[in-house]
Amino acid sequence: MSIPSPHTLLDFTGKVALVTGSSGGLGAGIALRFAEAGAAVVVNYRFNAAGAQAVVAQIEAGGGRAIAIRADVTQKAEVEALISQTVEAFGRLDVLINNAGLYPLVSLVEMSEAEWDEVVNSNLRSTFLCTQAAAKQMMAQGGGGAIINIASIEAENPAPMHSHYNAAKGGVVMHTAAAANELGLYGIRVNSVSPGLIWREGIEQAWPEGVERFLKAAPLGRLGMPDDVADACLFLASPAARWITGANLRVDGGVMTKQIF
């Protein structure tokens, strides 16, 4: 086995990356970072076509290649069409980032079945469907590839008003391990990243008490930025992580190191 030189480890030239839910926020940050590393990028969206096109335009302005594709990643037929359109546009698929998901607040006793299903479907069902379809494509190409699932520190430490999200992200972490176990035979590595609180426009005004609590608890003393998570994804998708699969990498500023009691 040849060992890549250090200066080439994060070079994704000639690779194709699909980032679900990447019309804004964290997903957009991941898409932009992979484009900076040389990958051709598929920007997936469900509702925000304008946001997706803006991400594509930013990538193209920097000399990269990108395309926006609409798909509801909770629906099998649409996921299969998303993979097919990716291959039609760029010829292959090398990296899948399962980022799409919802993050609503509702108490357990007041939660409806529909609210439960919506969050579990958007965060966990989508991960299964996209992983399955992407793995089939990677296998058809001859094997190899990387799948990275965006989980959450809430998979390990539940938050109030989030029982559906906590359960879904816990499922994502276990699904990551299960998929890694089965797909390693084909050279496909599957890992997850569990972010802490990530900055977004207006978060300090929308949730000041949450931001304050996080800043006090995080040893590194700041909120995460999309690039912090994106760079973890770059590492896990790269040859630098060639012997890593089934892992869950916390990217949380150290907040999970705090004593619970």
C-alpha atoms as a PDB file:
ATOM      1  CA  MET A   1       0.000   0.000   0.000  1.00  0.00           C
ATOM      2  CA  SER A   2       1.401   3.388  -1.022  1.00  0.00           C
ATOM      3  CA  ILE A   3       1.298   6.128   1.595  1.00  0.00           C
ATOM      4  CA  PRO A   4       0.233   9.545   0.257  1.00  0.00           C
ATOM      5  CA  SER A   5       2.541  12.455   0.928  1.00  0.00           C
ATOM      6  CA  PRO A   6       1.334  14.885   3.615  1.00  0.00           C
ATOM      7  CA  HIS A   7       0.868  17.820   1.246  1.00  0.00           C
ATOM      8  CA  THR A   8      -1.592  15.834  -0.895  1.00  0.00           C
ATOM      9  CA  LEU A   9      -3.753  14.419   1.893  1.00  0.00           C
ATOM     10  CA  LEU A  10      -6.517  17.027   1.633  1.00  0.00           C
ATOM     11  CA  ASP A  11      -6.410  17.373  -2.146  1.00  0.00           C
ATOM     12  CA  PHE A  12      -9.817  16.314  -3.515  1.00  0.00           C
ATOM     13  CA  THR A  13      -9.078  17.181  -7.134  1.00  0.00           C
ATOM     14  CA  GLY A  14     -10.929  14.726  -9.366  1.00  0.00           C
ATOM     15  CA  LYS A  15     -13.279  13.675  -6.547  1.00  0.00           C
ATOM     16  CA  VAL A  16     -17.026  14.233  -6.380  1.00  0.00           C
ATOM     17  CA  ALA A  17     -18.751  15.124  -3.097  1.00  0.00           C
ATOM     18  CA  LEU A  18     -22.489  15.220  -2.415  1.00  0.00           C
ATOM     19  CA  VAL A  19     -23.643  17.231   0.600  1.00  0.00           C
ATOM     20  CA  THR A  20     -27.299  16.834   1.568  1.00  0.00           C
ATOM     21  CA  GLY A  21     -29.132  19.839   2.968  1.00  0.00           C
ATOM     22  CA  SER A  22     -26.427  22.246   1.809  1.00  0.00           C
ATOM     23  CA  SER A  23     -28.385  25.295   0.649  1.00  0.00           C
ATOM     24  CA  GLY A  24     -27.383  27.172   3.811  1.00  0.00           C
ATOM     25  CA  GLY A  25     -25.893  26.953   7.286  1.00  0.00           C
ATOM     26  CA  LEU A  26     -23.597  24.082   8.171  1.00  0.00           C
ATOM     27  CA  GLY A  27     -24.257  22.175   4.954  1.00  0.00           C
ATOM     28  CA  ALA A  28     -23.287  25.159   2.818  1.00  0.00           C
ATOM     29  CA  GLY A  29     -20.091  25.543   4.823  1.00  0.00           C
ATOM     30  CA  ILE A  30     -19.201  21.901   4.203  1.00  0.00           C
ATOM     31  CA  ALA A  31     -19.963  22.181   0.478  1.00  0.00           C
ATOM     32  CA  LEU A  32     -17.818  25.289   0.126  1.00  0.00           C
ATOM     33  CA  ARG A  33     -14.908  23.722   1.977  1.00  0.00           C
ATOM     34  CA  PHE A  34     -14.899  20.591  -0.189  1.00  0.00           C
ATOM     35  CA  ALA A  35     -14.933  22.816  -3.270  1.00  0.00           C
ATOM     36  CA  GLU A  36     -11.921  24.709  -1.887  1.00  0.00           C
ATOM     37  CA  ALA A  37     -10.171  21.351  -1.566  1.00  0.00           C
ATOM     38  CA  GLY A  38     -10.762  20.681  -5.268  1.00  0.00           C
ATOM     39  CA  ALA A  39     -13.853  18.468  -5.271  1.00  0.00           C
ATOM     40  CA  ALA A  40     -16.750  18.827  -7.670  1.00  0.00           C
ATOM     41  CA  VAL A  41     -19.715  19.391  -5.351  1.00  0.00           C
ATOM     42  CA  VAL A  42     -23.397  18.551  -5.506  1.00  0.00           C
ATOM     43  CA  VAL A  43     -25.430  21.002  -3.437  1.00  0.00           C
ATOM     44  CA  ASN A  44     -28.636  19.259  -2.398  1.00  0.00           C
ATOM     45  CA  TYR A  45     -31.704  21.154  -1.244  1.00  0.00           C
ATOM     46  CA  ARG A  46     -35.407  20.547  -0.690  1.00  0.00           C
ATOM     47  CA  PHE A  47     -36.999  24.008  -0.457  1.00  0.00           C
ATOM     48  CA  ASN A  48     -34.293  26.682  -0.639  1.00  0.00           C
ATOM     49  CA  ALA A  49     -33.457  26.757  -4.358  1.00  0.00           C
ATOM     50  CA  ALA A  50     -32.136  30.317  -4.146  1.00  0.00           C
ATOM     51  CA  GLY A  51     -29.775  29.411  -1.320  1.00  0.00           C
ATOM     52  CA  ALA A  52     -28.508  26.364  -3.206  1.00  0.00           C
ATOM     53  CA  GLN A  53     -27.872  28.386  -6.343  1.00  0.00           C
ATOM     54  CA  ALA A  54     -26.024  30.997  -4.268  1.00  0.00           C
ATOM     55  CA  VAL A  55     -23.701  28.286  -2.913  1.00  0.00           C
ATOM     56  CA  VAL A  56     -23.125  26.993  -6.449  1.00  0.00           C
ATOM     57  CA  ALA A  57     -22.387  30.529  -7.666  1.00  0.00           C
ATOM     58  CA  GLN A  58     -19.874  31.062  -4.850  1.00  0.00           C
ATOM     59  CA  ILE A  59     -18.095  27.808  -5.707  1.00  0.00           C
ATOM     60  CA  GLU A  60     -17.986  28.665  -9.400  1.00  0.00           C
ATOM     61  CA  ALA A  61     -16.720  32.172  -8.642  1.00  0.00           C
ATOM     62  CA  GLY A  62     -13.776  30.550  -6.895  1.00  0.00           C
ATOM     63  CA  GLY A  63     -13.023  28.417  -9.931  1.00  0.00           C
ATOM     64  CA  GLY A  64     -14.737  25.261  -8.696  1.00  0.00           C
ATOM     65  CA  ARG A  65     -17.392  22.991 -10.147  1.00  0.00           C
ATOM     66  CA  ALA A  66     -20.815  22.562  -8.554  1.00  0.00           C
ATOM     67  CA  ILE A  67     -24.430  21.803  -9.336  1.00  0.00           C
ATOM     68  CA  ALA A  68     -27.615  22.177  -7.282  1.00  0.00           C
ATOM     69  CA  ILE A  69     -30.026  19.236  -7.215  1.00  0.00           C
ATOM     70  CA  ARG A  70     -33.404  19.246  -5.500  1.00  0.00           C
ATOM     71  CA  ALA A  71     -34.408  16.083  -3.641  1.00  0.00           C
ATOM     72  CA  ASP A  72     -36.391  15.167  -0.545  1.00  0.00           C
ATOM     73  CA  VAL A  73     -33.886  12.790   1.030  1.00  0.00           C
ATOM     74  CA  THR A  74     -36.571  11.085   3.133  1.00  0.00           C
ATOM     75  CA  GLN A  75     -38.020   9.581  -0.067  1.00  0.00           C
ATOM     76  CA  LYS A  76     -36.288   6.578  -1.661  1.00  0.00           C
ATOM     77  CA  ALA A  77     -37.156   7.420  -5.276  1.00  0.00           C
ATOM     78  CA  GLU A  78     -35.898  10.977  -4.902  1.00  0.00           C
ATOM     79  CA  VAL A  79     -32.673   9.800  -3.260  1.00  0.00           C
ATOM     80  CA  GLU A  80     -32.039   7.373  -6.109  1.00  0.00           C
ATOM     81  CA  ALA A  81     -32.681  10.173  -8.602  1.00  0.00           C
ATOM     82  CA  LEU A  82     -30.256  12.413  -6.671  1.00  0.00           C
ATOM     83  CA  ILE A  83     -27.474   9.834  -6.969  1.00  0.00           C
ATOM     84  CA  SER A  84     -28.248   9.240 -10.648  1.00  0.00           C
ATOM     85  CA  GLN A  85     -28.156  12.974 -11.400  1.00  0.00           C
ATOM     86  CA  THR A  86     -24.875  13.303  -9.513  1.00  0.00           C
ATOM     87  CA  VAL A  87     -23.280  10.608 -11.652  1.00  0.00           C
ATOM     88  CA  GLU A  88     -24.816  12.058 -14.807  1.00  0.00           C
ATOM     89  CA  ALA A  89     -23.301  15.451 -14.012  1.00  0.00           C
ATOM     90  CA  PHE A  90     -19.854  14.418 -12.754  1.00  0.00           C
ATOM     91  CA  GLY A  91     -19.379  10.772 -13.710  1.00  0.00           C
ATOM     92  CA  ARG A  92     -18.980   9.280 -10.243  1.00  0.00           C
ATOM     93  CA  LEU A  93     -19.500   9.739  -6.486  1.00  0.00           C
ATOM     94  CA  ASP A  94     -16.634   9.594  -4.010  1.00  0.00           C
ATOM     95  CA  VAL A  95     -17.890  11.329  -0.866  1.00  0.00           C
ATOM     96  CA  LEU A  96     -21.337  11.562   0.702  1.00  0.00           C
ATOM     97  CA  ILE A  97     -22.017  13.918   3.596  1.00  0.00           C
ATOM     98  CA  ASN A  98     -25.365  13.149   5.235  1.00  0.00           C
ATOM     99  CA  ASN A  99     -26.087  16.588   6.671  1.00  0.00           C
ATOM    100  CA  ALA A 100     -29.828  17.141   6.033  1.00  0.00           C
ATOM    101  CA  GLY A 101     -32.034  17.247   9.113  1.00  0.00           C
ATOM    102  CA  LEU A 102     -34.477  19.164  11.278  1.00  0.00           C
ATOM    103  CA  TYR A 103     -33.992  20.579  14.786  1.00  0.00           C
ATOM    104  CA  PRO A 104     -37.380  21.668  16.234  1.00  0.00           C
ATOM    105  CA  LEU A 105     -38.275  22.034  19.920  1.00  0.00           C
ATOM    106  CA  VAL A 106     -41.287  20.283  21.466  1.00  0.00           C
ATOM    107  CA  SER A 107     -41.830  18.583  24.813  1.00  0.00           C
ATOM    108  CA  LEU A 108     -42.143  14.820  24.979  1.00  0.00           C
ATOM    109  CA  VAL A 109     -45.640  14.849  26.488  1.00  0.00           C
ATOM    110  CA  GLU A 110     -46.957  17.298  23.894  1.00  0.00           C
ATOM    111  CA  MET A 111     -45.230  15.768  20.867  1.00  0.00           C
ATOM    112  CA  SER A 112     -47.487  14.394  18.146  1.00  0.00           C
ATOM    113  CA  GLU A 113     -46.716  11.263  16.158  1.00  0.00           C
ATOM    114  CA  ALA A 114     -46.325  13.434  13.073  1.00  0.00           C
ATOM    115  CA  GLU A 115     -43.726  15.622  14.812  1.00  0.00           C
ATOM    116  CA  TRP A 116     -41.806  12.543  15.953  1.00  0.00           C
ATOM    117  CA  ASP A 117     -41.902  10.996  12.482  1.00  0.00           C
ATOM    118  CA  GLU A 118     -40.821  14.198  10.744  1.00  0.00           C
ATOM    119  CA  VAL A 119     -37.675  14.577  12.851  1.00  0.00           C
ATOM    120  CA  VAL A 120     -36.732  10.887  12.819  1.00  0.00           C
ATOM    121  CA  ASN A 121     -37.302  10.709   9.067  1.00  0.00           C
ATOM    122  CA  SER A 122     -35.348  13.857   8.256  1.00  0.00           C
ATOM    123  CA  ASN A 123     -32.360  12.924  10.431  1.00  0.00           C
ATOM    124  CA  LEU A 124     -32.220   9.114  10.479  1.00  0.00           C
ATOM    125  CA  ARG A 125     -34.283   7.722   7.593  1.00  0.00           C
ATOM    126  CA  SER A 126     -32.503  10.119   5.226  1.00  0.00           C
ATOM    127  CA  THR A 127     -29.127   8.868   6.447  1.00  0.00           C
ATOM    128  CA  PHE A 128     -30.126   5.263   5.753  1.00  0.00           C
ATOM    129  CA  LEU A 129     -31.572   5.978   2.301  1.00  0.00           C
ATOM    130  CA  CYS A 130     -28.658   8.123   1.132  1.00  0.00           C
ATOM    131  CA  THR A 131     -26.052   5.740   2.549  1.00  0.00           C
ATOM    132  CA  GLN A 132     -27.699   2.783   0.828  1.00  0.00           C
ATOM    133  CA  ALA A 133     -27.941   4.483  -2.567  1.00  0.00           C
ATOM    134  CA  ALA A 134     -24.452   5.995  -2.388  1.00  0.00           C
ATOM    135  CA  ALA A 135     -22.891   2.687  -1.326  1.00  0.00           C
ATOM    136  CA  LYS A 136     -24.457   0.922  -4.307  1.00  0.00           C
ATOM    137  CA  GLN A 137     -22.973   3.535  -6.634  1.00  0.00           C
ATOM    138  CA  MET A 138     -19.547   3.346  -4.972  1.00  0.00           C
ATOM    139  CA  MET A 139     -19.602  -0.444  -5.254  1.00  0.00           C
ATOM    140  CA  ALA A 140     -20.563  -0.208  -8.930  1.00  0.00           C
ATOM    141  CA  GLN A 141     -17.537   2.045  -9.481  1.00  0.00           C
ATOM    142  CA  GLY A 142     -15.303  -0.692  -8.114  1.00  0.00           C
ATOM    143  CA  GLY A 143     -15.398   0.146  -4.423  1.00  0.00           C
ATOM    144  CA  GLY A 144     -13.841   2.793  -2.254  1.00  0.00           C
ATOM    145  CA  GLY A 145     -15.348   6.024  -1.014  1.00  0.00           C
ATOM    146  CA  ALA A 146     -16.243   7.827   2.170  1.00  0.00           C
ATOM    147  CA  ILE A 147     -19.577   8.470   3.862  1.00  0.00           C
ATOM    148  CA  ILE A 148     -19.776  10.961   6.714  1.00  0.00           C
ATOM    149  CA  ASN A 149     -22.895  11.383   8.815  1.00  0.00           C
ATOM    150  CA  ILE A 150     -23.548  14.590  10.719  1.00  0.00           C
ATOM    151  CA  ALA A 151     -24.725  13.439  14.142  1.00  0.00           C
ATOM    152  CA  SER A 152     -24.727  15.588  17.310  1.00  0.00           C
ATOM    153  CA  ILE A 153     -23.400  15.657  20.851  1.00  0.00           C
ATOM    154  CA  GLU A 154     -27.073  15.162  21.757  1.00  0.00           C
ATOM    155  CA  ALA A 155     -26.658  11.551  20.650  1.00  0.00           C
ATOM    156  CA  GLU A 156     -24.721  11.108  23.909  1.00  0.00           C
ATOM    157  CA  ASN A 157     -26.161  13.797  26.166  1.00  0.00           C
ATOM    158  CA  PRO A 158     -29.909  14.427  25.720  1.00  0.00           C
ATOM    159  CA  ALA A 159     -31.350  17.921  25.691  1.00  0.00           C
ATOM    160  CA  PRO A 160     -34.854  18.882  26.875  1.00  0.00           C
ATOM    161  CA  MET A 161     -37.558  19.416  24.228  1.00  0.00           C
ATOM    162  CA  HIS A 162     -35.520  17.238  21.888  1.00  0.00           C
ATOM    163  CA  SER A 163     -36.441  13.609  22.589  1.00  0.00           C
ATOM    164  CA  HIS A 164     -37.118  12.966  18.890  1.00  0.00           C
ATOM    165  CA  TYR A 165     -33.862  14.627  17.794  1.00  0.00           C
ATOM    166  CA  ASN A 166     -31.835  12.937  20.565  1.00  0.00           C
ATOM    167  CA  ALA A 167     -33.170   9.535  19.514  1.00  0.00           C
ATOM    168  CA  ALA A 168     -32.612  10.180  15.810  1.00  0.00           C
ATOM    169  CA  LYS A 169     -29.022  11.316  16.265  1.00  0.00           C
ATOM    170  CA  GLY A 170     -28.320   8.382  18.574  1.00  0.00           C
ATOM    171  CA  GLY A 171     -29.573   6.199  15.742  1.00  0.00           C
ATOM    172  CA  VAL A 172     -27.289   7.975  13.285  1.00  0.00           C
ATOM    173  CA  VAL A 173     -24.236   7.144  15.413  1.00  0.00           C
ATOM    174  CA  MET A 174     -25.172   3.459  15.650  1.00  0.00           C
ATOM    175  CA  HIS A 175     -26.112   3.311  11.963  1.00  0.00           C
ATOM    176  CA  THR A 176     -22.651   4.699  11.205  1.00  0.00           C
ATOM    177  CA  ALA A 177     -21.005   1.808  13.037  1.00  0.00           C
ATOM    178  CA  ALA A 178     -23.287  -0.771  11.432  1.00  0.00           C
ATOM    179  CA  ALA A 179     -22.710   0.616   7.936  1.00  0.00           C
ATOM    180  CA  ALA A 180     -18.948   0.737   8.507  1.00  0.00           C
ATOM    181  CA  ASN A 181     -19.029  -2.907   9.531  1.00  0.00           C
ATOM    182  CA  GLU A 182     -20.817  -4.001   6.359  1.00  0.00           C
ATOM    183  CA  LEU A 183     -19.283  -1.656   3.796  1.00  0.00           C
ATOM    184  CA  GLY A 184     -15.636  -1.982   4.786  1.00  0.00           C
ATOM    185  CA  LEU A 185     -15.462  -5.097   2.610  1.00  0.00           C
ATOM    186  CA  TYR A 186     -15.874  -2.775  -0.388  1.00  0.00           C
ATOM    187  CA  GLY A 187     -13.357  -0.204   0.773  1.00  0.00           C
ATOM    188  CA  ILE A 188     -16.100   2.228   1.793  1.00  0.00           C
ATOM    189  CA  ARG A 189     -15.415   4.019   5.064  1.00  0.00           C
ATOM    190  CA  VAL A 190     -18.308   5.361   7.160  1.00  0.00           C
ATOM    191  CA  ASN A 191     -17.822   7.789  10.048  1.00  0.00           C
ATOM    192  CA  SER A 192     -19.840  10.410  11.887  1.00  0.00           C
ATOM    193  CA  VAL A 193     -19.146  13.893  13.207  1.00  0.00           C
ATOM    194  CA  SER A 194     -20.955  15.162  16.305  1.00  0.00           C
ATOM    195  CA  PRO A 195     -20.944  18.962  16.433  1.00  0.00           C
ATOM    196  CA  GLY A 196     -21.613  21.109  19.441  1.00  0.00           C
ATOM    197  CA  LEU A 197     -23.373  24.452  19.108  1.00  0.00           C
ATOM    198  CA  ILE A 198     -22.540  25.949  15.704  1.00  0.00           C
ATOM    199  CA  TRP A 199     -22.781  29.658  15.027  1.00  0.00           C
ATOM    200  CA  ARG A 200     -25.363  30.914  12.556  1.00  0.00           C
ATOM    201  CA  GLU A 201     -26.559  34.388  11.719  1.00  0.00           C
ATOM    202  CA  GLY A 202     -28.717  35.774  14.537  1.00  0.00           C
ATOM    203  CA  ILE A 203     -28.221  32.914  17.005  1.00  0.00           C
ATOM    204  CA  GLU A 204     -27.077  35.267  19.779  1.00  0.00           C
ATOM    205  CA  GLN A 205     -30.350  37.190  19.513  1.00  0.00           C
ATOM    206  CA  ALA A 206     -32.598  34.170  18.957  1.00  0.00           C
ATOM    207  CA  TRP A 207     -31.198  32.044  21.826  1.00  0.00           C
ATOM    208  CA  PRO A 208     -29.058  34.233  24.094  1.00  0.00           C
ATOM    209  CA  GLU A 209     -29.362  32.015  27.169  1.00  0.00           C
ATOM    210  CA  GLY A 210     -28.314  28.902  25.220  1.00  0.00           C
ATOM    211  CA  VAL A 211     -25.310  30.644  23.713  1.00  0.00           C
ATOM    212  CA  GLU A 212     -24.294  31.935  27.139  1.00  0.00           C
ATOM    213  CA  ARG A 213     -24.565  28.468  28.702  1.00  0.00           C
ATOM    214  CA  PHE A 214     -22.526  26.881  25.926  1.00  0.00           C
ATOM    215  CA  LEU A 215     -19.783  29.488  26.101  1.00  0.00           C
ATOM    216  CA  LYS A 216     -19.455  28.932  29.859  1.00  0.00           C
ATOM    217  CA  ALA A 217     -19.342  25.142  29.439  1.00  0.00           C
ATOM    218  CA  ALA A 218     -16.982  24.842  26.452  1.00  0.00           C
ATOM    219  CA  PRO A 219     -13.302  24.673  27.461  1.00  0.00           C
ATOM    220  CA  LEU A 220     -12.280  26.355  24.192  1.00  0.00           C
ATOM    221  CA  GLY A 221     -14.614  29.231  25.010  1.00  0.00           C
ATOM    222  CA  ARG A 222     -16.407  29.856  21.716  1.00  0.00           C
ATOM    223  CA  LEU A 223     -19.164  28.576  19.469  1.00  0.00           C
ATOM    224  CA  GLY A 224     -18.235  26.305  16.608  1.00  0.00           C
ATOM    225  CA  MET A 225     -18.097  27.609  13.064  1.00  0.00           C
ATOM    226  CA  PRO A 226     -19.209  25.711   9.959  1.00  0.00           C
ATOM    227  CA  ASP A 227     -15.573  25.452   8.857  1.00  0.00           C
ATOM    228  CA  ASP A 228     -14.698  23.644  12.104  1.00  0.00           C
ATOM    229  CA  VAL A 229     -17.105  20.851  11.210  1.00  0.00           C
ATOM    230  CA  ALA A 230     -16.279  20.997   7.498  1.00  0.00           C
ATOM    231  CA  ASP A 231     -12.582  20.459   8.179  1.00  0.00           C
ATOM    232  CA  ALA A 232     -13.385  17.416  10.314  1.00  0.00           C
ATOM    233  CA  CYS A 233     -15.360  16.077   7.358  1.00  0.00           C
ATOM    234  CA  LEU A 234     -12.439  16.773   5.024  1.00  0.00           C
ATOM    235  CA  PHE A 235     -10.149  14.814   7.326  1.00  0.00           C
ATOM    236  CA  LEU A 236     -12.491  11.835   7.594  1.00  0.00           C
ATOM    237  CA  ALA A 237     -13.068  11.757   3.829  1.00  0.00           C
ATOM    238  CA  SER A 238      -9.352  12.010   3.051  1.00  0.00           C
ATOM    239  CA  PRO A 239      -6.516   9.481   2.897  1.00  0.00           C
ATOM    240  CA  ALA A 240      -5.345  10.905   6.225  1.00  0.00           C
ATOM    241  CA  ALA A 241      -8.192   8.872   7.751  1.00  0.00           C
ATOM    242  CA  ARG A 242      -7.611   5.795   5.584  1.00  0.00           C
ATOM    243  CA  TRP A 243      -7.681   3.376   8.549  1.00  0.00           C
ATOM    244  CA  ILE A 244     -10.588   5.036  10.349  1.00  0.00           C
ATOM    245  CA  THR A 245     -14.125   3.730   9.966  1.00  0.00           C
ATOM    246  CA  GLY A 246     -17.070   3.404  12.319  1.00  0.00           C
ATOM    247  CA  ALA A 247     -15.818   6.316  14.423  1.00  0.00           C
ATOM    248  CA  ASN A 248     -17.768   9.245  15.870  1.00  0.00           C
ATOM    249  CA  LEU A 249     -15.688  12.420  16.059  1.00  0.00           C
ATOM    250  CA  ARG A 250     -16.875  15.118  18.473  1.00  0.00           C
ATOM    251  CA  VAL A 251     -16.333  18.651  17.205  1.00  0.00           C
ATOM    252  CA  ASP A 252     -17.672  20.561  20.184  1.00  0.00           C
ATOM    253  CA  GLY A 253     -14.984  22.785  21.674  1.00  0.00           C
ATOM    254  CA  GLY A 254     -14.606  20.236  24.467  1.00  0.00           C
ATOM    255  CA  VAL A 255     -18.048  20.798  25.968  1.00  0.00           C
ATOM    256  CA  MET A 256     -18.615  17.056  26.426  1.00  0.00           C
ATOM    257  CA  THR A 257     -15.636  16.879  28.759  1.00  0.00           C
ATOM    258  CA  LYS A 258     -17.611  18.650  31.481  1.00  0.00           C
ATOM    259  CA  GLN A 259     -18.731  16.712  34.535  1.00  0.00           C
ATOM    260  CA  ILE A 260     -22.428  15.899  34.472  1.00  0.00           C
ATOM    261  CA  PHE A 261     -22.626  15.833  38.289  1.00  0.00           C
END
